[in-house]
Amino acid sequence: MTQSEPRVARDMLTELPNVVAGFDGSVDTILQAVSARHAPDEFTPVATAEEFGRMVSAAGVGRNAKFRRS
């Protein structure tokens, strides 16, 4: 490490933008879309966004969508 390397690193750090980050304290609920239910506690989740899109976009077709809390 040369004598100029710490100075270069320090100069790079002073060029970074100031950032403020915080937490709001809320707790999200994560849901899983159910593709097939096998038993009350056994199911196959929807695997892809494409599959979920097909599931919810069937125009003119009745659909019973099920979700499970993770």
N, C-alpha and C. Protein backbone atom coordinates (compact mmCIF):
# COMPACT_ATOMS: atom_id res chain seq x y z
N MET A 1 0.84 -1.17 0.00
CA MET A 1 0.00 0.00 0.00
C MET A 1 0.89 1.24 0.00
N THR A 2 0.68 2.08 -0.96
CA THR A 2 1.50 3.28 -1.04
C THR A 2 0.91 4.36 -0.14
N GLN A 3 1.68 5.41 0.06
CA GLN A 3 1.24 6.49 0.93
C GLN A 3 0.03 7.23 0.34
N SER A 4 -0.11 7.22 -0.98
CA SER A 4 -1.21 7.97 -1.59
C SER A 4 -2.53 7.18 -1.57
N GLU A 5 -2.50 5.84 -1.38
CA GLU A 5 -3.73 5.05 -1.41
C GLU A 5 -4.73 5.45 -0.33
N PRO A 6 -4.34 5.66 0.93
CA PRO A 6 -5.34 6.08 1.91
C PRO A 6 -5.98 7.42 1.53
N ARG A 7 -5.23 8.32 0.96
CA ARG A 7 -5.76 9.61 0.56
C ARG A 7 -6.79 9.43 -0.55
N VAL A 8 -6.51 8.56 -1.53
CA VAL A 8 -7.45 8.31 -2.62
C VAL A 8 -8.74 7.73 -2.06
N ALA A 9 -8.66 6.79 -1.13
CA ALA A 9 -9.85 6.19 -0.53
C ALA A 9 -10.64 7.25 0.23
N ARG A 10 -9.96 8.10 0.97
CA ARG A 10 -10.65 9.16 1.72
C ARG A 10 -11.35 10.12 0.76
N ASP A 11 -10.68 10.48 -0.32
CA ASP A 11 -11.29 11.39 -1.30
C ASP A 11 -12.51 10.75 -1.95
N MET A 12 -12.47 9.44 -2.19
CA MET A 12 -13.62 8.74 -2.77
C MET A 12 -14.79 8.77 -1.80
N LEU A 13 -14.55 8.59 -0.53
CA LEU A 13 -15.63 8.60 0.46
C LEU A 13 -16.29 9.96 0.57
N THR A 14 -15.54 11.02 0.43
CA THR A 14 -16.13 12.36 0.54
C THR A 14 -16.95 12.71 -0.69
N GLU A 15 -16.80 11.96 -1.79
CA GLU A 15 -17.56 12.23 -3.00
C GLU A 15 -18.91 11.50 -3.02
N LEU A 16 -19.14 10.61 -2.07
CA LEU A 16 -20.40 9.87 -2.03
C LEU A 16 -21.53 10.79 -1.57
N PRO A 17 -22.76 10.55 -2.05
CA PRO A 17 -23.89 11.38 -1.61
C PRO A 17 -24.25 11.09 -0.15
N ASN A 18 -24.81 12.08 0.51
CA ASN A 18 -25.30 11.87 1.87
C ASN A 18 -26.60 11.08 1.80
N VAL A 19 -26.74 10.10 2.66
CA VAL A 19 -27.91 9.23 2.66
C VAL A 19 -28.48 9.16 4.08
N VAL A 20 -29.80 9.25 4.17
CA VAL A 20 -30.47 9.06 5.44
C VAL A 20 -31.38 7.85 5.29
N ALA A 21 -31.25 6.91 6.18
CA ALA A 21 -32.09 5.71 6.14
C ALA A 21 -32.78 5.58 7.49
N GLY A 22 -33.98 5.04 7.46
CA GLY A 22 -34.70 4.86 8.71
C GLY A 22 -35.68 3.71 8.61
N PHE A 23 -36.27 3.37 9.71
CA PHE A 23 -37.24 2.30 9.78
C PHE A 23 -38.52 2.86 10.37
N ASP A 24 -39.65 2.47 9.82
CA ASP A 24 -40.91 3.01 10.31
C ASP A 24 -41.57 2.13 11.37
N GLY A 25 -41.04 0.98 11.61
CA GLY A 25 -41.56 0.13 12.66
C GLY A 25 -42.79 -0.68 12.28
N SER A 26 -43.23 -0.60 11.05
CA SER A 26 -44.40 -1.38 10.67
C SER A 26 -43.98 -2.82 10.35
N VAL A 27 -44.91 -3.73 10.52
CA VAL A 27 -44.65 -5.14 10.23
C VAL A 27 -45.54 -5.54 9.06
N ASP A 28 -44.91 -6.00 8.00
CA ASP A 28 -45.67 -6.43 6.83
C ASP A 28 -46.17 -7.85 7.01
N THR A 29 -47.26 -8.15 6.35
CA THR A 29 -47.77 -9.50 6.31
C THR A 29 -47.45 -10.07 4.94
N ILE A 30 -46.80 -11.18 4.91
CA ILE A 30 -46.43 -11.81 3.65
C ILE A 30 -47.44 -12.92 3.36
N LEU A 31 -47.99 -12.89 2.16
CA LEU A 31 -48.96 -13.90 1.75
C LEU A 31 -48.39 -14.73 0.62
N GLN A 32 -48.78 -15.98 0.56
CA GLN A 32 -48.42 -16.85 -0.55
C GLN A 32 -49.70 -17.21 -1.28
N ALA A 33 -49.69 -17.03 -2.59
CA ALA A 33 -50.83 -17.45 -3.39
C ALA A 33 -50.79 -18.97 -3.51
N VAL A 34 -51.95 -19.59 -3.34
CA VAL A 34 -52.04 -21.05 -3.35
C VAL A 34 -52.44 -21.54 -4.72
N SER A 35 -51.63 -22.41 -5.30
CA SER A 35 -51.94 -23.02 -6.59
C SER A 35 -52.86 -24.21 -6.40
N ALA A 36 -52.54 -25.07 -5.41
CA ALA A 36 -53.37 -26.25 -5.13
C ALA A 36 -53.27 -26.57 -3.64
N ARG A 37 -54.41 -26.84 -3.03
CA ARG A 37 -54.43 -27.22 -1.62
C ARG A 37 -54.60 -28.73 -1.54
N HIS A 38 -53.74 -29.39 -0.75
CA HIS A 38 -53.75 -30.85 -0.61
C HIS A 38 -54.37 -31.27 0.72
N ALA A 39 -54.20 -30.45 1.73
CA ALA A 39 -54.73 -30.69 3.07
C ALA A 39 -54.76 -29.33 3.76
N PRO A 40 -55.37 -29.22 4.94
CA PRO A 40 -55.43 -27.91 5.59
C PRO A 40 -54.08 -27.21 5.74
N ASP A 41 -53.02 -27.94 5.99
CA ASP A 41 -51.70 -27.35 6.14
C ASP A 41 -50.73 -27.70 5.01
N GLU A 42 -51.22 -28.34 3.95
CA GLU A 42 -50.36 -28.71 2.83
C GLU A 42 -50.89 -28.09 1.55
N PHE A 43 -50.01 -27.39 0.84
CA PHE A 43 -50.42 -26.75 -0.39
C PHE A 43 -49.23 -26.58 -1.32
N THR A 44 -49.51 -26.34 -2.57
CA THR A 44 -48.50 -26.00 -3.56
C THR A 44 -48.64 -24.51 -3.84
N PRO A 45 -47.60 -23.71 -3.57
CA PRO A 45 -47.72 -22.28 -3.83
C PRO A 45 -47.62 -21.97 -5.33
N VAL A 46 -48.14 -20.83 -5.71
CA VAL A 46 -47.98 -20.35 -7.08
C VAL A 46 -46.48 -20.10 -7.27
N ALA A 47 -45.91 -20.66 -8.32
CA ALA A 47 -44.46 -20.66 -8.48
C ALA A 47 -43.89 -19.41 -9.13
N THR A 48 -44.64 -18.79 -10.04
CA THR A 48 -44.09 -17.65 -10.79
C THR A 48 -45.11 -16.51 -10.88
N ALA A 49 -44.62 -15.34 -11.19
CA ALA A 49 -45.50 -14.20 -11.42
C ALA A 49 -46.38 -14.44 -12.63
N GLU A 50 -45.85 -15.13 -13.63
CA GLU A 50 -46.64 -15.46 -14.83
C GLU A 50 -47.83 -16.35 -14.46
N GLU A 51 -47.58 -17.35 -13.63
CA GLU A 51 -48.68 -18.23 -13.19
C GLU A 51 -49.71 -17.45 -12.40
N PHE A 52 -49.26 -16.56 -11.52
CA PHE A 52 -50.19 -15.74 -10.74
C PHE A 52 -51.01 -14.83 -11.67
N GLY A 53 -50.36 -14.26 -12.69
CA GLY A 53 -51.07 -13.42 -13.65
C GLY A 53 -52.16 -14.18 -14.38
N ARG A 54 -51.86 -15.40 -14.80
CA ARG A 54 -52.88 -16.23 -15.45
C ARG A 54 -54.02 -16.54 -14.49
N MET A 55 -53.69 -16.76 -13.25
CA MET A 55 -54.69 -17.11 -12.25
C MET A 55 -55.68 -15.97 -12.03
N VAL A 56 -55.22 -14.74 -11.97
CA VAL A 56 -56.09 -13.62 -11.64
C VAL A 56 -56.66 -12.89 -12.85
N SER A 57 -56.16 -13.16 -14.04
CA SER A 57 -56.60 -12.38 -15.19
C SER A 57 -57.60 -13.10 -16.09
N ALA A 58 -58.12 -14.23 -15.69
CA ALA A 58 -59.07 -14.97 -16.52
C ALA A 58 -60.37 -14.18 -16.60
N ALA A 59 -60.56 -13.43 -17.68
CA ALA A 59 -61.74 -12.57 -17.85
C ALA A 59 -62.98 -13.43 -18.06
N GLY A 60 -64.04 -13.09 -17.35
CA GLY A 60 -65.31 -13.77 -17.53
C GLY A 60 -65.38 -15.15 -16.89
N VAL A 61 -64.37 -15.50 -16.14
CA VAL A 61 -64.33 -16.82 -15.51
C VAL A 61 -64.31 -16.61 -14.00
N GLY A 62 -65.17 -17.30 -13.29
CA GLY A 62 -65.16 -17.21 -11.84
C GLY A 62 -63.89 -17.84 -11.29
N ARG A 63 -63.33 -17.21 -10.27
CA ARG A 63 -62.08 -17.75 -9.71
C ARG A 63 -62.10 -17.56 -8.21
N ASN A 64 -61.78 -18.59 -7.48
CA ASN A 64 -61.66 -18.53 -6.04
C ASN A 64 -60.17 -18.55 -5.70
N ALA A 65 -59.58 -17.39 -5.52
CA ALA A 65 -58.15 -17.31 -5.21
C ALA A 65 -57.94 -17.50 -3.72
N LYS A 66 -56.94 -18.29 -3.37
CA LYS A 66 -56.63 -18.55 -1.96
C LYS A 66 -55.25 -18.06 -1.67
N PHE A 67 -55.10 -17.47 -0.49
CA PHE A 67 -53.80 -16.99 -0.05
C PHE A 67 -53.54 -17.52 1.34
N ARG A 68 -52.27 -17.70 1.66
CA ARG A 68 -51.87 -18.22 2.97
C ARG A 68 -50.82 -17.30 3.56
N ARG A 69 -50.95 -17.00 4.85
CA ARG A 69 -49.94 -16.20 5.52
C ARG A 69 -48.69 -17.02 5.71
N SER A 70 -47.55 -16.39 5.47
CA SER A 70 -46.26 -17.08 5.66
C SER A 70 -45.81 -16.98 7.08
